[in-house]
Amino acid sequence: MNSNICPKTYLVEAILATIFCCLPLGIVAIVKASGVSSAFASGNHAEAKRLSEDAGKWAKYALFAGLAGVVLYVIYMVVVFASVASMA
């Protein structure tokens, strides 16, 4: 990797994951993403790369947690409607 180029911050992905998917995991992603640029600007390129990788990882975790929540909610609603329909 070229040391003159700042690693991707994943800040947009982290914010979207926080809003739409999973708040706690998204906040961790935002914290990690916000440190990328400052670490790079201070000359700590290895730390910037590590924070970038962590931010991407936590944004993905938030996305998967949100998707899992939606799937579980749909399964729950199907079970509830099936039990209500069977009682009628």
N, C-alpha and C. Protein backbone atom coordinates (compact mmCIF):
# COMPACT_ATOMS: atom_id res chain seq x y z
N MET A 1 0.84 -1.18 0.00
CA MET A 1 0.00 0.00 0.00
C MET A 1 0.88 1.23 0.00
N ASN A 2 0.52 2.21 -0.80
CA ASN A 2 1.25 3.46 -0.85
C ASN A 2 1.04 4.23 0.44
N SER A 3 2.12 4.62 1.10
CA SER A 3 2.00 5.29 2.40
C SER A 3 1.58 6.74 2.27
N ASN A 4 1.47 7.27 1.04
CA ASN A 4 1.02 8.65 0.85
C ASN A 4 -0.49 8.76 0.71
N ILE A 5 -1.17 7.64 0.65
CA ILE A 5 -2.63 7.64 0.46
C ILE A 5 -3.28 7.17 1.75
N CYS A 6 -4.22 7.98 2.23
CA CYS A 6 -4.93 7.64 3.47
C CYS A 6 -5.83 6.42 3.21
N PRO A 7 -5.85 5.46 4.11
CA PRO A 7 -6.74 4.31 3.94
C PRO A 7 -8.21 4.74 3.99
N LYS A 8 -9.06 3.93 3.43
CA LYS A 8 -10.49 4.21 3.44
C LYS A 8 -10.98 4.30 4.89
N THR A 9 -11.81 5.30 5.17
CA THR A 9 -12.27 5.50 6.55
C THR A 9 -13.50 4.67 6.89
N TYR A 10 -14.31 4.30 5.93
CA TYR A 10 -15.57 3.58 6.14
C TYR A 10 -16.56 4.38 7.00
N LEU A 11 -16.40 5.70 7.03
CA LEU A 11 -17.28 6.52 7.86
C LEU A 11 -18.71 6.51 7.34
N VAL A 12 -18.90 6.61 6.04
CA VAL A 12 -20.26 6.60 5.49
C VAL A 12 -20.93 5.27 5.77
N GLU A 13 -20.22 4.18 5.55
CA GLU A 13 -20.77 2.86 5.81
C GLU A 13 -21.11 2.70 7.29
N ALA A 14 -20.25 3.22 8.16
CA ALA A 14 -20.49 3.12 9.60
C ALA A 14 -21.72 3.91 10.01
N ILE A 15 -21.89 5.10 9.46
CA ILE A 15 -23.06 5.91 9.79
C ILE A 15 -24.34 5.25 9.30
N LEU A 16 -24.31 4.75 8.08
CA LEU A 16 -25.50 4.07 7.54
C LEU A 16 -25.83 2.81 8.34
N ALA A 17 -24.81 2.06 8.71
CA ALA A 17 -25.03 0.85 9.52
C ALA A 17 -25.61 1.21 10.88
N THR A 18 -25.16 2.34 11.43
CA THR A 18 -25.69 2.78 12.73
C THR A 18 -27.15 3.16 12.62
N ILE A 19 -27.50 3.90 11.59
CA ILE A 19 -28.87 4.38 11.42
C ILE A 19 -29.83 3.25 11.09
N PHE A 20 -29.43 2.40 10.16
CA PHE A 20 -30.37 1.42 9.62
C PHE A 20 -30.24 0.01 10.17
N CYS A 21 -29.13 -0.32 10.79
CA CYS A 21 -28.92 -1.72 11.16
C CYS A 21 -28.81 -1.96 12.66
N CYS A 22 -27.70 -1.60 13.23
CA CYS A 22 -27.45 -1.95 14.64
C CYS A 22 -26.71 -0.80 15.31
N LEU A 23 -27.38 -0.10 16.19
CA LEU A 23 -26.82 1.07 16.83
C LEU A 23 -25.53 0.80 17.60
N PRO A 24 -25.48 -0.17 18.50
CA PRO A 24 -24.23 -0.34 19.28
C PRO A 24 -23.01 -0.69 18.41
N LEU A 25 -23.17 -1.60 17.49
CA LEU A 25 -22.04 -1.98 16.64
C LEU A 25 -21.68 -0.87 15.67
N GLY A 26 -22.68 -0.13 15.22
CA GLY A 26 -22.42 1.00 14.33
C GLY A 26 -21.65 2.10 15.02
N ILE A 27 -21.91 2.33 16.29
CA ILE A 27 -21.17 3.35 17.03
C ILE A 27 -19.70 2.97 17.14
N VAL A 28 -19.44 1.70 17.38
CA VAL A 28 -18.04 1.24 17.42
C VAL A 28 -17.38 1.50 16.07
N ALA A 29 -18.09 1.22 14.98
CA ALA A 29 -17.55 1.45 13.64
C ALA A 29 -17.28 2.94 13.41
N ILE A 30 -18.17 3.81 13.88
CA ILE A 30 -17.96 5.25 13.71
C ILE A 30 -16.73 5.71 14.49
N VAL A 31 -16.57 5.22 15.70
CA VAL A 31 -15.40 5.60 16.51
C VAL A 31 -14.11 5.18 15.82
N LYS A 32 -14.09 3.96 15.31
CA LYS A 32 -12.90 3.47 14.61
C LYS A 32 -12.65 4.28 13.33
N ALA A 33 -13.73 4.56 12.58
CA ALA A 33 -13.60 5.28 11.32
C ALA A 33 -13.13 6.71 11.53
N SER A 34 -13.57 7.32 12.62
CA SER A 34 -13.18 8.71 12.85
C SER A 34 -11.71 8.84 13.23
N GLY A 35 -11.10 7.79 13.67
CA GLY A 35 -9.69 7.84 14.01
C GLY A 35 -8.73 7.62 12.86
N VAL A 36 -9.24 7.17 11.73
CA VAL A 36 -8.36 6.85 10.60
C VAL A 36 -7.63 8.09 10.09
N SER A 37 -8.35 9.14 9.79
CA SER A 37 -7.74 10.34 9.22
C SER A 37 -6.77 11.01 10.18
N SER A 38 -7.14 11.07 11.46
CA SER A 38 -6.24 11.71 12.42
C SER A 38 -4.97 10.90 12.63
N ALA A 39 -5.08 9.58 12.65
CA ALA A 39 -3.89 8.75 12.77
C ALA A 39 -2.99 8.90 11.56
N PHE A 40 -3.60 8.97 10.38
CA PHE A 40 -2.82 9.13 9.15
C PHE A 40 -2.14 10.50 9.13
N ALA A 41 -2.88 11.54 9.53
CA ALA A 41 -2.33 12.89 9.52
C ALA A 41 -1.17 13.04 10.51
N SER A 42 -1.21 12.29 11.60
CA SER A 42 -0.12 12.37 12.59
C SER A 42 1.08 11.52 12.18
N GLY A 43 0.98 10.83 11.05
CA GLY A 43 2.09 10.04 10.55
C GLY A 43 2.08 8.60 10.99
N ASN A 44 1.08 8.19 11.73
CA ASN A 44 0.99 6.82 12.21
C ASN A 44 0.20 6.00 11.18
N HIS A 45 0.88 5.65 10.11
CA HIS A 45 0.22 4.98 8.98
C HIS A 45 -0.23 3.56 9.33
N ALA A 46 0.53 2.87 10.15
CA ALA A 46 0.13 1.51 10.53
C ALA A 46 -1.14 1.54 11.37
N GLU A 47 -1.23 2.50 12.28
CA GLU A 47 -2.44 2.65 13.10
C GLU A 47 -3.63 3.04 12.23
N ALA A 48 -3.41 3.91 11.25
CA ALA A 48 -4.49 4.31 10.35
C ALA A 48 -5.00 3.10 9.56
N LYS A 49 -4.09 2.26 9.10
CA LYS A 49 -4.50 1.07 8.35
C LYS A 49 -5.28 0.11 9.26
N ARG A 50 -4.81 -0.07 10.50
CA ARG A 50 -5.50 -0.96 11.44
C ARG A 50 -6.89 -0.42 11.78
N LEU A 51 -7.00 0.88 12.01
CA LEU A 51 -8.30 1.48 12.31
C LEU A 51 -9.25 1.36 11.11
N SER A 52 -8.70 1.51 9.92
CA SER A 52 -9.52 1.37 8.71
C SER A 52 -10.09 -0.04 8.59
N GLU A 53 -9.23 -1.03 8.82
CA GLU A 53 -9.69 -2.42 8.75
C GLU A 53 -10.72 -2.70 9.84
N ASP A 54 -10.49 -2.18 11.04
CA ASP A 54 -11.44 -2.37 12.15
C ASP A 54 -12.77 -1.70 11.85
N ALA A 55 -12.74 -0.50 11.29
CA ALA A 55 -13.97 0.21 10.98
C ALA A 55 -14.80 -0.57 9.95
N GLY A 56 -14.14 -1.07 8.93
CA GLY A 56 -14.85 -1.88 7.94
C GLY A 56 -15.44 -3.14 8.54
N LYS A 57 -14.66 -3.77 9.42
CA LYS A 57 -15.13 -5.00 10.08
C LYS A 57 -16.36 -4.72 10.94
N TRP A 58 -16.32 -3.65 11.75
CA TRP A 58 -17.45 -3.35 12.63
C TRP A 58 -18.68 -2.88 11.85
N ALA A 59 -18.47 -2.18 10.74
CA ALA A 59 -19.60 -1.79 9.90
C ALA A 59 -20.28 -3.03 9.31
N LYS A 60 -19.49 -4.02 8.92
CA LYS A 60 -20.06 -5.27 8.41
C LYS A 60 -20.78 -6.03 9.52
N TYR A 61 -20.20 -6.05 10.72
CA TYR A 61 -20.88 -6.70 11.84
C TYR A 61 -22.24 -6.05 12.09
N ALA A 62 -22.29 -4.73 12.04
CA ALA A 62 -23.55 -4.02 12.27
C ALA A 62 -24.56 -4.36 11.18
N LEU A 63 -24.10 -4.43 9.94
CA LEU A 63 -24.99 -4.79 8.84
C LEU A 63 -25.55 -6.19 9.02
N PHE A 64 -24.68 -7.14 9.36
CA PHE A 64 -25.13 -8.52 9.53
C PHE A 64 -26.06 -8.66 10.74
N ALA A 65 -25.79 -7.91 11.80
CA ALA A 65 -26.66 -7.95 12.98
C ALA A 65 -28.04 -7.39 12.63
N GLY A 66 -28.08 -6.33 11.85
CA GLY A 66 -29.36 -5.77 11.42
C GLY A 66 -30.13 -6.73 10.54
N LEU A 67 -29.43 -7.38 9.62
CA LEU A 67 -30.09 -8.36 8.75
C LEU A 67 -30.60 -9.55 9.55
N ALA A 68 -29.81 -10.00 10.51
CA ALA A 68 -30.24 -11.11 11.36
C ALA A 68 -31.48 -10.72 12.16
N GLY A 69 -31.52 -9.49 12.65
CA GLY A 69 -32.69 -9.00 13.38
C GLY A 69 -33.93 -9.00 12.51
N VAL A 70 -33.80 -8.57 11.27
CA VAL A 70 -34.94 -8.56 10.34
C VAL A 70 -35.41 -9.98 10.07
N VAL A 71 -34.49 -10.89 9.83
CA VAL A 71 -34.86 -12.29 9.55
C VAL A 71 -35.57 -12.90 10.76
N LEU A 72 -35.04 -12.67 11.95
CA LEU A 72 -35.69 -13.20 13.16
C LEU A 72 -37.07 -12.59 13.38
N TYR A 73 -37.21 -11.31 13.09
CA TYR A 73 -38.51 -10.66 13.22
C TYR A 73 -39.52 -11.25 12.24
N VAL A 74 -39.10 -11.49 11.01
CA VAL A 74 -40.01 -12.08 10.01
C VAL A 74 -40.41 -13.48 10.44
N ILE A 75 -39.47 -14.28 10.92
CA ILE A 75 -39.80 -15.62 11.40
C ILE A 75 -40.77 -15.55 12.56
N TYR A 76 -40.54 -14.64 13.48
CA TYR A 76 -41.44 -14.46 14.62
C TYR A 76 -42.85 -14.10 14.16
N MET A 77 -42.95 -13.18 13.22
CA MET A 77 -44.28 -12.76 12.75
C MET A 77 -45.00 -13.90 12.02
N VAL A 78 -44.26 -14.70 11.27
CA VAL A 78 -44.88 -15.85 10.60
C VAL A 78 -45.42 -16.83 11.64
N VAL A 79 -44.65 -17.09 12.69
CA VAL A 79 -45.10 -18.00 13.73
C VAL A 79 -46.33 -17.44 14.45
N VAL A 80 -46.33 -16.15 14.75
CA VAL A 80 -47.47 -15.52 15.44
C VAL A 80 -48.71 -15.59 14.57
N PHE A 81 -48.59 -15.22 13.30
CA PHE A 81 -49.75 -15.27 12.42
C PHE A 81 -50.25 -16.69 12.20
N ALA A 82 -49.34 -17.65 12.16
CA ALA A 82 -49.74 -19.04 11.98
C ALA A 82 -50.48 -19.54 13.20
N SER A 83 -50.04 -19.14 14.38
CA SER A 83 -50.73 -19.58 15.60
C SER A 83 -52.08 -18.90 15.75
N VAL A 84 -52.18 -17.63 15.35
CA VAL A 84 -53.48 -16.94 15.40
C VAL A 84 -54.44 -17.55 14.40
N ALA A 85 -53.93 -17.88 13.21
CA ALA A 85 -54.78 -18.47 12.18
C ALA A 85 -55.25 -19.86 12.60
N SER A 86 -54.44 -20.60 13.32
CA SER A 86 -54.83 -21.93 13.73
C SER A 86 -55.88 -21.89 14.86
N MET A 87 -55.90 -20.81 15.61
CA MET A 87 -56.89 -20.67 16.69
C MET A 87 -58.26 -20.27 16.16
N ALA A 88 -58.30 -19.68 14.97
CA ALA A 88 -59.56 -19.19 14.43
C ALA A 88 -60.39 -20.29 13.80
